[in-house]
Amino acid sequence: MHCVIKNTVDEHRVLLNSACFPQTCPLLLRVFTTNNGRHHRMDEFARGNVPSSELQIYTWMDATLKELTSLVKEVYPEARKKGTHFGFAIVYPDPKRQIYRVKEIGNTVSGRKGADDSMTLQSQRFQIGDYLDIAITPPNRAPPLQGRMRPY
């Protein structure tokens, strides 16, 4: 989003065009990562506990998996290597039982375009309060590409 600054100064205050501010507030996305290629076990989310590998990202529901991949790569330099695989899953509470469920939603790969790159949280029915679990697999241990990825 680009911010347009008006050149109007009133008593030493710069007035900003409303285009600077999105119409919706961002949400706090709680992201949990692993670097072993597997998602966290659901019992790690039990009884109010969460895994220790938490990232907190302020974002919007239209954030894509590729955008989220880029944010994770900023925090974990080792995940920047070409061919690193990111498996995304939504972790959500089961309303009927006091447990969490997991729904795998898509994959991205560093340095490659893929079918899931433009997938958004909203398109996968992510709800505020859900968690995002990302299984990061280094390139030398990456799962086979199922014909859905192509090099840049």
N, C-alpha and C. Protein backbone atom coordinates (compact mmCIF):
# COMPACT_ATOMS: atom_id res chain seq x y z
N MET A 1 0.85 -1.17 0.00
CA MET A 1 0.00 0.00 0.00
C MET A 1 0.90 1.23 0.00
N HIS A 2 0.61 2.18 -0.84
CA HIS A 2 1.38 3.40 -0.92
C HIS A 2 0.70 4.48 -0.11
N CYS A 3 1.50 5.30 0.53
CA CYS A 3 0.98 6.39 1.34
C CYS A 3 1.19 7.70 0.61
N VAL A 4 0.15 8.45 0.44
CA VAL A 4 0.24 9.74 -0.23
C VAL A 4 0.19 10.82 0.84
N ILE A 5 1.22 11.62 0.89
CA ILE A 5 1.28 12.69 1.89
C ILE A 5 0.88 14.00 1.23
N LYS A 6 -0.11 14.65 1.79
CA LYS A 6 -0.50 15.97 1.28
C LYS A 6 0.54 16.98 1.74
N ASN A 7 0.66 18.01 1.00
CA ASN A 7 1.64 19.04 1.30
C ASN A 7 1.05 20.11 2.20
N THR A 8 0.01 19.80 2.93
CA THR A 8 -0.69 20.77 3.76
C THR A 8 -0.13 20.71 5.18
N VAL A 9 0.30 21.83 5.68
CA VAL A 9 0.81 21.88 7.05
C VAL A 9 -0.07 22.85 7.83
N ASP A 10 -0.58 22.39 8.94
CA ASP A 10 -1.44 23.22 9.78
C ASP A 10 -0.88 23.16 11.19
N GLU A 11 -0.34 24.25 11.65
CA GLU A 11 0.26 24.33 12.98
C GLU A 11 1.27 23.21 13.20
N HIS A 12 2.19 23.05 12.26
CA HIS A 12 3.30 22.10 12.35
C HIS A 12 2.85 20.63 12.31
N ARG A 13 1.67 20.37 11.81
CA ARG A 13 1.20 19.00 11.65
C ARG A 13 1.09 18.69 10.17
N VAL A 14 1.60 17.57 9.78
CA VAL A 14 1.46 17.14 8.39
C VAL A 14 0.18 16.33 8.30
N LEU A 15 -0.69 16.69 7.40
CA LEU A 15 -1.94 15.97 7.22
C LEU A 15 -1.73 14.87 6.19
N LEU A 16 -2.11 13.67 6.52
CA LEU A 16 -1.95 12.54 5.62
C LEU A 16 -3.24 12.24 4.91
N ASN A 17 -3.12 11.91 3.65
CA ASN A 17 -4.26 11.50 2.86
C ASN A 17 -4.81 10.20 3.46
N SER A 18 -6.10 10.00 3.41
CA SER A 18 -6.68 8.79 3.98
C SER A 18 -6.22 7.53 3.25
N ALA A 19 -5.60 7.67 2.07
CA ALA A 19 -5.09 6.51 1.35
C ALA A 19 -3.94 5.84 2.10
N CYS A 20 -3.39 6.52 3.11
CA CYS A 20 -2.29 5.94 3.89
C CYS A 20 -2.77 4.82 4.79
N PHE A 21 -4.03 4.81 5.12
CA PHE A 21 -4.52 3.87 6.11
C PHE A 21 -5.52 2.92 5.49
N PRO A 22 -5.30 1.61 5.66
CA PRO A 22 -6.26 0.66 5.11
C PRO A 22 -7.62 0.81 5.82
N GLN A 23 -8.65 0.36 5.14
CA GLN A 23 -10.00 0.48 5.69
C GLN A 23 -10.29 -0.54 6.78
N THR A 24 -9.48 -1.59 6.87
CA THR A 24 -9.68 -2.59 7.91
C THR A 24 -8.44 -2.66 8.79
N CYS A 25 -8.64 -3.00 10.03
CA CYS A 25 -7.52 -3.13 10.97
C CYS A 25 -6.79 -4.44 10.70
N PRO A 26 -5.47 -4.45 10.94
CA PRO A 26 -4.74 -5.71 10.79
C PRO A 26 -5.09 -6.65 11.95
N LEU A 27 -4.79 -7.91 11.76
CA LEU A 27 -4.99 -8.89 12.81
C LEU A 27 -3.62 -9.37 13.29
N LEU A 28 -3.57 -9.86 14.50
CA LEU A 28 -2.35 -10.46 15.02
C LEU A 28 -2.37 -11.93 14.64
N LEU A 29 -1.45 -12.32 13.78
CA LEU A 29 -1.34 -13.70 13.34
C LEU A 29 -0.26 -14.37 14.17
N ARG A 30 -0.65 -15.38 14.92
CA ARG A 30 0.32 -16.14 15.71
C ARG A 30 0.78 -17.32 14.88
N VAL A 31 2.07 -17.32 14.54
CA VAL A 31 2.66 -18.31 13.65
C VAL A 31 3.64 -19.17 14.44
N PHE A 32 3.55 -20.47 14.24
CA PHE A 32 4.46 -21.41 14.89
C PHE A 32 5.20 -22.18 13.80
N THR A 33 6.51 -22.25 13.93
CA THR A 33 7.32 -22.87 12.88
C THR A 33 8.10 -24.06 13.43
N THR A 34 8.39 -24.99 12.53
CA THR A 34 9.32 -26.08 12.81
C THR A 34 10.32 -26.09 11.66
N ASN A 35 11.49 -26.64 11.89
CA ASN A 35 12.47 -26.75 10.80
C ASN A 35 12.80 -28.20 10.49
N ASN A 36 11.87 -29.10 10.85
CA ASN A 36 12.08 -30.53 10.59
C ASN A 36 11.13 -31.07 9.52
N GLY A 37 10.37 -30.18 8.87
CA GLY A 37 9.48 -30.61 7.80
C GLY A 37 8.14 -31.14 8.26
N ARG A 38 7.90 -31.19 9.58
CA ARG A 38 6.62 -31.69 10.10
C ARG A 38 5.94 -30.61 10.91
N HIS A 39 4.63 -30.62 10.90
CA HIS A 39 3.88 -29.68 11.72
C HIS A 39 3.95 -30.08 13.18
N HIS A 40 3.65 -29.12 14.04
CA HIS A 40 3.60 -29.40 15.48
C HIS A 40 2.50 -30.43 15.77
N ARG A 41 2.69 -31.19 16.82
CA ARG A 41 1.65 -32.10 17.28
C ARG A 41 0.53 -31.27 17.92
N MET A 42 -0.69 -31.73 17.78
CA MET A 42 -1.82 -30.99 18.32
C MET A 42 -1.80 -30.93 19.84
N ASP A 43 -1.19 -31.91 20.49
CA ASP A 43 -1.13 -31.85 21.96
C ASP A 43 -0.22 -30.72 22.45
N GLU A 44 0.60 -30.16 21.56
CA GLU A 44 1.43 -29.01 21.94
C GLU A 44 0.59 -27.74 22.10
N PHE A 45 -0.66 -27.78 21.62
CA PHE A 45 -1.57 -26.65 21.73
C PHE A 45 -2.61 -26.88 22.82
N ALA A 46 -2.48 -27.96 23.57
CA ALA A 46 -3.50 -28.34 24.56
C ALA A 46 -3.37 -27.53 25.85
N ARG A 47 -4.47 -27.42 26.53
CA ARG A 47 -4.56 -26.82 27.86
C ARG A 47 -3.92 -25.43 27.95
N GLY A 48 -4.16 -24.62 26.92
CA GLY A 48 -3.68 -23.25 26.94
C GLY A 48 -2.21 -23.09 26.60
N ASN A 49 -1.53 -24.17 26.29
CA ASN A 49 -0.12 -24.11 25.92
C ASN A 49 0.02 -23.89 24.42
N VAL A 50 1.16 -23.37 24.03
CA VAL A 50 1.52 -23.24 22.62
C VAL A 50 3.00 -23.59 22.47
N PRO A 51 3.42 -24.00 21.28
CA PRO A 51 4.85 -24.26 21.07
C PRO A 51 5.68 -22.99 21.30
N SER A 52 6.96 -23.16 21.59
CA SER A 52 7.82 -22.01 21.91
C SER A 52 8.29 -21.24 20.68
N SER A 53 8.15 -21.81 19.51
CA SER A 53 8.68 -21.19 18.29
C SER A 53 7.68 -20.21 17.68
N GLU A 54 7.22 -19.25 18.43
CA GLU A 54 6.16 -18.36 17.98
C GLU A 54 6.70 -17.10 17.32
N LEU A 55 6.11 -16.75 16.19
CA LEU A 55 6.31 -15.45 15.55
C LEU A 55 4.97 -14.74 15.61
N GLN A 56 4.99 -13.45 15.85
CA GLN A 56 3.76 -12.67 15.83
C GLN A 56 3.84 -11.70 14.67
N ILE A 57 2.86 -11.77 13.78
CA ILE A 57 2.85 -10.95 12.57
C ILE A 57 1.53 -10.19 12.51
N TYR A 58 1.62 -8.89 12.32
CA TYR A 58 0.42 -8.10 12.08
C TYR A 58 0.19 -8.08 10.56
N THR A 59 -0.95 -8.57 10.16
CA THR A 59 -1.25 -8.69 8.73
C THR A 59 -2.75 -8.58 8.51
N TRP A 60 -3.16 -8.82 7.28
CA TRP A 60 -4.57 -8.77 6.91
C TRP A 60 -5.01 -10.12 6.39
N MET A 61 -6.31 -10.32 6.30
CA MET A 61 -6.86 -11.59 5.84
C MET A 61 -6.52 -11.88 4.38
N ASP A 62 -6.16 -10.85 3.62
CA ASP A 62 -5.81 -11.08 2.22
C ASP A 62 -4.31 -11.32 2.02
N ALA A 63 -3.58 -11.57 3.11
CA ALA A 63 -2.16 -11.91 2.99
C ALA A 63 -2.03 -13.25 2.27
N THR A 64 -1.09 -13.31 1.34
CA THR A 64 -0.87 -14.56 0.59
C THR A 64 0.18 -15.41 1.27
N LEU A 65 0.19 -16.69 0.91
CA LEU A 65 1.20 -17.59 1.47
C LEU A 65 2.61 -17.13 1.07
N LYS A 66 2.76 -16.59 -0.13
CA LYS A 66 4.08 -16.11 -0.57
C LYS A 66 4.52 -14.91 0.27
N GLU A 67 3.59 -14.01 0.58
CA GLU A 67 3.92 -12.86 1.43
C GLU A 67 4.32 -13.32 2.83
N LEU A 68 3.59 -14.29 3.37
CA LEU A 68 3.92 -14.81 4.69
C LEU A 68 5.26 -15.54 4.67
N THR A 69 5.55 -16.23 3.57
CA THR A 69 6.85 -16.89 3.41
C THR A 69 7.97 -15.86 3.50
N SER A 70 7.79 -14.73 2.82
CA SER A 70 8.81 -13.68 2.83
C SER A 70 9.04 -13.14 4.23
N LEU A 71 7.99 -12.98 5.01
CA LEU A 71 8.13 -12.49 6.38
C LEU A 71 8.88 -13.50 7.25
N VAL A 72 8.58 -14.77 7.08
CA VAL A 72 9.27 -15.81 7.85
C VAL A 72 10.75 -15.85 7.48
N LYS A 73 11.05 -15.69 6.21
CA LYS A 73 12.44 -15.72 5.75
C LYS A 73 13.25 -14.55 6.32
N GLU A 74 12.59 -13.43 6.63
CA GLU A 74 13.28 -12.31 7.25
C GLU A 74 13.77 -12.67 8.65
N VAL A 75 13.01 -13.50 9.34
CA VAL A 75 13.36 -13.89 10.71
C VAL A 75 14.33 -15.06 10.75
N TYR A 76 14.20 -15.99 9.81
CA TYR A 76 15.05 -17.18 9.77
C TYR A 76 15.91 -17.17 8.51
N PRO A 77 17.12 -16.61 8.59
CA PRO A 77 17.98 -16.53 7.41
C PRO A 77 18.25 -17.88 6.74
N GLU A 78 18.31 -18.96 7.52
CA GLU A 78 18.57 -20.28 6.93
C GLU A 78 17.43 -20.73 6.02
N ALA A 79 16.25 -20.14 6.18
CA ALA A 79 15.10 -20.50 5.34
C ALA A 79 15.12 -19.77 4.00
N ARG A 80 16.10 -18.91 3.79
CA ARG A 80 16.18 -18.15 2.54
C ARG A 80 16.78 -18.95 1.40
N LYS A 81 17.38 -20.09 1.70
CA LYS A 81 18.04 -20.88 0.66
C LYS A 81 17.03 -21.34 -0.39
N LYS A 82 17.45 -21.23 -1.64
CA LYS A 82 16.59 -21.66 -2.74
C LYS A 82 16.24 -23.14 -2.56
N GLY A 83 14.97 -23.44 -2.72
CA GLY A 83 14.50 -24.81 -2.58
C GLY A 83 13.96 -25.15 -1.21
N THR A 84 14.05 -24.21 -0.24
CA THR A 84 13.46 -24.45 1.08
C THR A 84 11.95 -24.54 0.93
N HIS A 85 11.36 -25.55 1.52
CA HIS A 85 9.93 -25.84 1.39
C HIS A 85 9.19 -25.35 2.64
N PHE A 86 8.06 -24.67 2.44
CA PHE A 86 7.23 -24.17 3.54
C PHE A 86 5.85 -24.81 3.41
N GLY A 87 5.46 -25.60 4.40
CA GLY A 87 4.14 -26.22 4.42
C GLY A 87 3.26 -25.49 5.41
N PHE A 88 2.14 -24.95 4.96
CA PHE A 88 1.25 -24.14 5.79
C PHE A 88 0.05 -24.95 6.25
N ALA A 89 -0.32 -24.73 7.51
CA ALA A 89 -1.51 -25.37 8.07
C ALA A 89 -2.18 -24.40 9.04
N ILE A 90 -3.49 -24.45 9.08
CA ILE A 90 -4.26 -23.68 10.06
C ILE A 90 -4.54 -24.60 11.24
N VAL A 91 -4.26 -24.10 12.44
CA VAL A 91 -4.58 -24.83 13.66
C VAL A 91 -5.74 -24.09 14.32
N TYR A 92 -6.82 -24.80 14.55
CA TYR A 92 -8.03 -24.15 15.03
C TYR A 92 -8.69 -25.00 16.11
N PRO A 93 -9.42 -24.36 17.04
CA PRO A 93 -10.09 -25.12 18.09
C PRO A 93 -11.32 -25.84 17.54
N ASP A 94 -11.51 -27.06 18.00
CA ASP A 94 -12.70 -27.82 17.65
C ASP A 94 -13.82 -27.34 18.57
N PRO A 95 -14.90 -26.78 18.01
CA PRO A 95 -15.96 -26.24 18.87
C PRO A 95 -16.72 -27.29 19.69
N LYS A 96 -16.67 -28.55 19.26
CA LYS A 96 -17.41 -29.60 19.95
C LYS A 96 -16.60 -30.26 21.07
N ARG A 97 -15.27 -30.21 20.92
CA ARG A 97 -14.40 -30.85 21.90
C ARG A 97 -13.32 -29.84 22.29
N GLN A 98 -12.69 -30.06 23.39
CA GLN A 98 -11.67 -29.11 23.83
C GLN A 98 -10.29 -29.52 23.34
N ILE A 99 -10.18 -29.62 22.01
CA ILE A 99 -8.91 -29.95 21.37
C ILE A 99 -8.72 -29.05 20.15
N TYR A 100 -7.52 -29.08 19.61
CA TYR A 100 -7.24 -28.34 18.39
C TYR A 100 -7.17 -29.30 17.21
N ARG A 101 -7.55 -28.81 16.06
CA ARG A 101 -7.49 -29.55 14.81
C ARG A 101 -6.51 -28.83 13.88
N VAL A 102 -6.04 -29.55 12.87
CA VAL A 102 -5.13 -28.96 11.89
C VAL A 102 -5.70 -29.17 10.49
N LYS A 103 -5.54 -28.15 9.65
CA LYS A 103 -5.97 -28.23 8.25
C LYS A 103 -4.81 -27.73 7.39
N GLU A 104 -4.19 -28.62 6.64
CA GLU A 104 -3.11 -28.22 5.75
C GLU A 104 -3.71 -27.43 4.60
N ILE A 105 -3.09 -26.28 4.30
CA ILE A 105 -3.71 -25.39 3.31
C ILE A 105 -2.87 -25.14 2.07
N GLY A 106 -1.56 -25.33 2.14
CA GLY A 106 -0.77 -25.06 0.94
C GLY A 106 0.72 -25.08 1.21
N ASN A 107 1.48 -24.92 0.12
CA ASN A 107 2.94 -24.99 0.18
C ASN A 107 3.56 -23.91 -0.69
N THR A 108 4.73 -23.43 -0.24
CA THR A 108 5.54 -22.55 -1.08
C THR A 108 6.97 -23.07 -1.04
N VAL A 109 7.76 -22.65 -2.02
CA VAL A 109 9.17 -23.04 -2.09
C VAL A 109 9.99 -21.80 -2.42
N SER A 110 11.04 -21.57 -1.64
CA SER A 110 11.92 -20.42 -1.90
C SER A 110 12.52 -20.52 -3.29
N GLY A 111 12.42 -19.42 -4.03
CA GLY A 111 13.03 -19.37 -5.35
C GLY A 111 12.23 -20.02 -6.46
N ARG A 112 11.03 -20.46 -6.17
CA ARG A 112 10.19 -21.08 -7.20
C ARG A 112 8.77 -20.54 -7.11
N LYS A 113 8.14 -20.43 -8.25
CA LYS A 113 6.72 -20.05 -8.28
C LYS A 113 5.89 -21.30 -8.12
N GLY A 114 4.76 -21.16 -7.44
CA GLY A 114 3.90 -22.31 -7.23
C GLY A 114 2.44 -21.96 -7.25
N ALA A 115 1.62 -22.96 -7.36
CA ALA A 115 0.18 -22.78 -7.46
C ALA A 115 -0.42 -22.18 -6.18
N ASP A 116 0.23 -22.41 -5.04
CA ASP A 116 -0.32 -21.93 -3.76
C ASP A 116 0.19 -20.55 -3.37
N ASP A 117 1.09 -19.97 -4.15
CA ASP A 117 1.70 -18.68 -3.79
C ASP A 117 0.66 -17.59 -3.52
N SER A 118 -0.37 -17.52 -4.33
CA SER A 118 -1.34 -16.44 -4.22
C SER A 118 -2.54 -16.79 -3.33
N MET A 119 -2.51 -17.95 -2.70
CA MET A 119 -3.58 -18.36 -1.79
C MET A 119 -3.58 -17.42 -0.58
N THR A 120 -4.76 -16.97 -0.17
CA THR A 120 -4.86 -16.06 0.98
C THR A 120 -5.40 -16.78 2.21
N LEU A 121 -5.19 -16.16 3.36
CA LEU A 121 -5.75 -16.71 4.60
C LEU A 121 -7.26 -16.77 4.49
N GLN A 122 -7.85 -15.70 3.97
CA GLN A 122 -9.31 -15.63 3.86
C GLN A 122 -9.86 -16.73 2.97
N SER A 123 -9.17 -17.01 1.87
CA SER A 123 -9.67 -18.03 0.94
C SER A 123 -9.67 -19.42 1.57
N GLN A 124 -8.90 -19.59 2.63
CA GLN A 124 -8.84 -20.89 3.32
C GLN A 124 -9.67 -20.90 4.59
N ARG A 125 -10.51 -19.88 4.74
CA ARG A 125 -11.44 -19.77 5.87
C ARG A 125 -10.72 -19.64 7.21
N PHE A 126 -9.56 -18.99 7.19
CA PHE A 126 -8.86 -18.66 8.43
C PHE A 126 -9.75 -17.71 9.22
N GLN A 127 -9.82 -17.93 10.54
CA GLN A 127 -10.61 -17.05 11.39
C GLN A 127 -9.69 -16.43 12.43
N ILE A 128 -9.99 -15.19 12.80
CA ILE A 128 -9.20 -14.53 13.83
C ILE A 128 -9.24 -15.40 15.08
N GLY A 129 -8.09 -15.67 15.65
CA GLY A 129 -7.97 -16.56 16.80
C GLY A 129 -7.34 -17.89 16.44
N ASP A 130 -7.41 -18.25 15.15
CA ASP A 130 -6.72 -19.47 14.69
C ASP A 130 -5.22 -19.22 14.70
N TYR A 131 -4.45 -20.28 14.67
CA TYR A 131 -2.99 -20.19 14.56
C TYR A 131 -2.58 -20.65 13.16
N LEU A 132 -1.37 -20.24 12.76
CA LEU A 132 -0.78 -20.74 11.52
C LEU A 132 0.46 -21.54 11.90
N ASP A 133 0.55 -22.75 11.41
CA ASP A 133 1.69 -23.62 11.67
C ASP A 133 2.43 -23.81 10.35
N ILE A 134 3.73 -23.52 10.36
CA ILE A 134 4.52 -23.63 9.13
C ILE A 134 5.64 -24.63 9.35
N ALA A 135 5.61 -25.71 8.57
CA ALA A 135 6.67 -26.72 8.60
C ALA A 135 7.70 -26.33 7.55
N ILE A 136 8.90 -25.97 8.01
CA ILE A 136 9.97 -25.55 7.11
C ILE A 136 10.89 -26.74 6.89
N THR A 137 11.15 -27.04 5.62
CA THR A 137 12.03 -28.16 5.27
C THR A 137 13.20 -27.61 4.45
N PRO A 138 14.43 -27.80 4.94
CA PRO A 138 15.60 -27.33 4.17
C PRO A 138 15.65 -28.00 2.80
N PRO A 139 16.33 -27.35 1.83
CA PRO A 139 16.33 -27.87 0.46
C PRO A 139 16.89 -29.28 0.32
N ASN A 140 17.85 -29.65 1.15
CA ASN A 140 18.43 -30.99 1.03
C ASN A 140 17.52 -32.08 1.59
N ARG A 141 16.44 -31.69 2.27
CA ARG A 141 15.49 -32.66 2.81
C ARG A 141 14.07 -32.36 2.35
N ALA A 142 13.92 -31.56 1.32
CA ALA A 142 12.60 -31.14 0.86
C ALA A 142 11.78 -32.31 0.33
N PRO A 143 10.48 -32.30 0.59
CA PRO A 143 9.60 -33.33 0.02
C PRO A 143 9.56 -33.19 -1.50
N PRO A 144 9.21 -34.24 -2.21
CA PRO A 144 9.17 -34.14 -3.67
C PRO A 144 8.16 -33.10 -4.13
N LEU A 145 8.52 -32.38 -5.18
CA LEU A 145 7.61 -31.37 -5.76
C LEU A 145 6.58 -32.11 -6.59
N GLN A 146 5.37 -31.92 -6.37
CA GLN A 146 4.34 -32.69 -7.02
C GLN A 146 3.93 -32.11 -8.36
N GLY A 147 4.89 -31.58 -9.11
CA GLY A 147 4.60 -31.05 -10.42
C GLY A 147 3.90 -29.72 -10.39
N ARG A 148 3.71 -29.15 -9.20
CA ARG A 148 2.99 -27.89 -9.09
C ARG A 148 3.92 -26.69 -9.07
N MET A 149 5.21 -26.89 -8.86
CA MET A 149 6.14 -25.78 -8.76
C MET A 149 6.92 -25.67 -10.07
N ARG A 150 7.34 -24.45 -10.37
CA ARG A 150 8.19 -24.26 -11.54
C ARG A 150 9.27 -23.23 -11.17
N PRO A 151 10.46 -23.36 -11.71
CA PRO A 151 11.52 -22.39 -11.39
C PRO A 151 11.18 -21.00 -11.92
N TYR A 152 11.72 -19.98 -11.27
CA TYR A 152 11.51 -18.59 -11.72
C TYR A 152 12.09 -18.39 -13.08
